[in-house]
């Protein structure tokens, strides 16, 4: 796993852990939030990599 991919995954996981402490969300969603956050972090990283590749290809 590349450093940036790991960085975005960990940031998403940490944000998900913060969401666990929100009382407004249902219990199942709260406890799954760190894993959702990690997945969203991976998705963001892959989108950023694709955008960078397209920019490099156009030049």
C-alpha atoms as a PDB file:
ATOM      1  CA  UNK A   1       0.000   0.000   0.000  1.00  0.00           C
ATOM      2  CA  UNK A   2       1.429   3.364  -0.970  1.00  0.00           C
ATOM      3  CA  UNK A   3       1.947   6.048   1.693  1.00  0.00           C
ATOM      4  CA  UNK A   4      -0.795   8.326   0.332  1.00  0.00           C
ATOM      5  CA  UNK A   5      -3.302   5.484   0.118  1.00  0.00           C
ATOM      6  CA  UNK A   6      -2.561   4.537   3.705  1.00  0.00           C
ATOM      7  CA  UNK A   7      -2.786   8.179   4.770  1.00  0.00           C
ATOM      8  CA  UNK A   8      -6.275   8.666   3.299  1.00  0.00           C
ATOM      9  CA  UNK A   9      -7.428   5.330   4.699  1.00  0.00           C
ATOM     10  CA  UNK A  10      -6.274   6.242   8.196  1.00  0.00           C
ATOM     11  CA  UNK A  11      -7.808   9.724   7.987  1.00  0.00           C
ATOM     12  CA  UNK A  12     -11.134   8.186   6.961  1.00  0.00           C
ATOM     13  CA  UNK A  13     -10.897   5.660   9.787  1.00  0.00           C
ATOM     14  CA  UNK A  14     -10.177   8.383  12.349  1.00  0.00           C
ATOM     15  CA  UNK A  15     -13.127  10.458  11.123  1.00  0.00           C
ATOM     16  CA  UNK A  16     -15.256   7.318  11.423  1.00  0.00           C
ATOM     17  CA  UNK A  17     -14.108   6.814  15.013  1.00  0.00           C
ATOM     18  CA  UNK A  18     -15.183  10.379  15.800  1.00  0.00           C
ATOM     19  CA  UNK A  19     -18.596   9.628  14.272  1.00  0.00           C
ATOM     20  CA  UNK A  20     -18.991   6.690  16.695  1.00  0.00           C
ATOM     21  CA  UNK A  21     -19.381   9.197  19.520  1.00  0.00           C
ATOM     22  CA  UNK A  22     -22.285  11.037  17.849  1.00  0.00           C
ATOM     23  CA  UNK A  23     -25.525  10.245  19.605  1.00  0.00           C
ATOM     24  CA  UNK A  24     -27.805  11.277  16.698  1.00  0.00           C
ATOM     25  CA  UNK A  25     -26.998   8.277  14.480  1.00  0.00           C
ATOM     26  CA  UNK A  26     -28.418   4.759  14.901  1.00  0.00           C
ATOM     27  CA  UNK A  27     -26.205   2.288  16.745  1.00  0.00           C
ATOM     28  CA  UNK A  28     -25.391   0.044  13.749  1.00  0.00           C
ATOM     29  CA  UNK A  29     -24.339   2.969  11.574  1.00  0.00           C
ATOM     30  CA  UNK A  30     -22.176   4.436  14.327  1.00  0.00           C
ATOM     31  CA  UNK A  31     -20.182   1.262  14.925  1.00  0.00           C
ATOM     32  CA  UNK A  32     -19.676   0.667  11.185  1.00  0.00           C
ATOM     33  CA  UNK A  33     -18.575   4.275  10.568  1.00  0.00           C
ATOM     34  CA  UNK A  34     -14.792   3.652  10.907  1.00  0.00           C
ATOM     35  CA  UNK A  35     -14.958   1.035   8.163  1.00  0.00           C
ATOM     36  CA  UNK A  36     -17.119   3.263   5.971  1.00  0.00           C
ATOM     37  CA  UNK A  37     -14.634   6.079   6.545  1.00  0.00           C
ATOM     38  CA  UNK A  38     -11.696   3.882   5.552  1.00  0.00           C
ATOM     39  CA  UNK A  39     -13.501   2.897   2.361  1.00  0.00           C
ATOM     40  CA  UNK A  40     -14.306   6.507   1.537  1.00  0.00           C
ATOM     41  CA  UNK A  41     -10.643   7.379   2.101  1.00  0.00           C
ATOM     42  CA  UNK A  42      -9.594   4.704  -0.404  1.00  0.00           C
ATOM     43  CA  UNK A  43     -12.132   5.991  -2.919  1.00  0.00           C
ATOM     44  CA  UNK A  44     -10.869   9.560  -2.539  1.00  0.00           C
ATOM     45  CA  UNK A  45      -7.285   8.438  -3.005  1.00  0.00           C
ATOM     46  CA  UNK A  46      -8.098   6.529  -6.184  1.00  0.00           C
ATOM     47  CA  UNK A  47      -9.972   9.547  -7.599  1.00  0.00           C
ATOM     48  CA  UNK A  48      -7.033  11.825  -6.825  1.00  0.00           C
ATOM     49  CA  UNK A  49      -4.606   9.396  -8.493  1.00  0.00           C
ATOM     50  CA  UNK A  50      -6.798   9.216 -11.617  1.00  0.00           C
ATOM     51  CA  UNK A  51      -7.011  13.012 -11.838  1.00  0.00           C
ATOM     52  CA  UNK A  52      -3.234  13.303 -11.524  1.00  0.00           C
ATOM     53  CA  UNK A  53      -2.721  10.658 -14.217  1.00  0.00           C
ATOM     54  CA  UNK A  54      -5.082  12.442 -16.604  1.00  0.00           C
ATOM     55  CA  UNK A  55      -3.287  15.742 -16.067  1.00  0.00           C
ATOM     56  CA  UNK A  56       0.072  14.114 -16.770  1.00  0.00           C
ATOM     57  CA  UNK A  57      -1.317  12.399 -19.880  1.00  0.00           C
ATOM     58  CA  UNK A  58      -2.716  15.650 -21.341  1.00  0.00           C
ATOM     59  CA  UNK A  59       0.571  17.521 -21.090  1.00  0.00           C
END
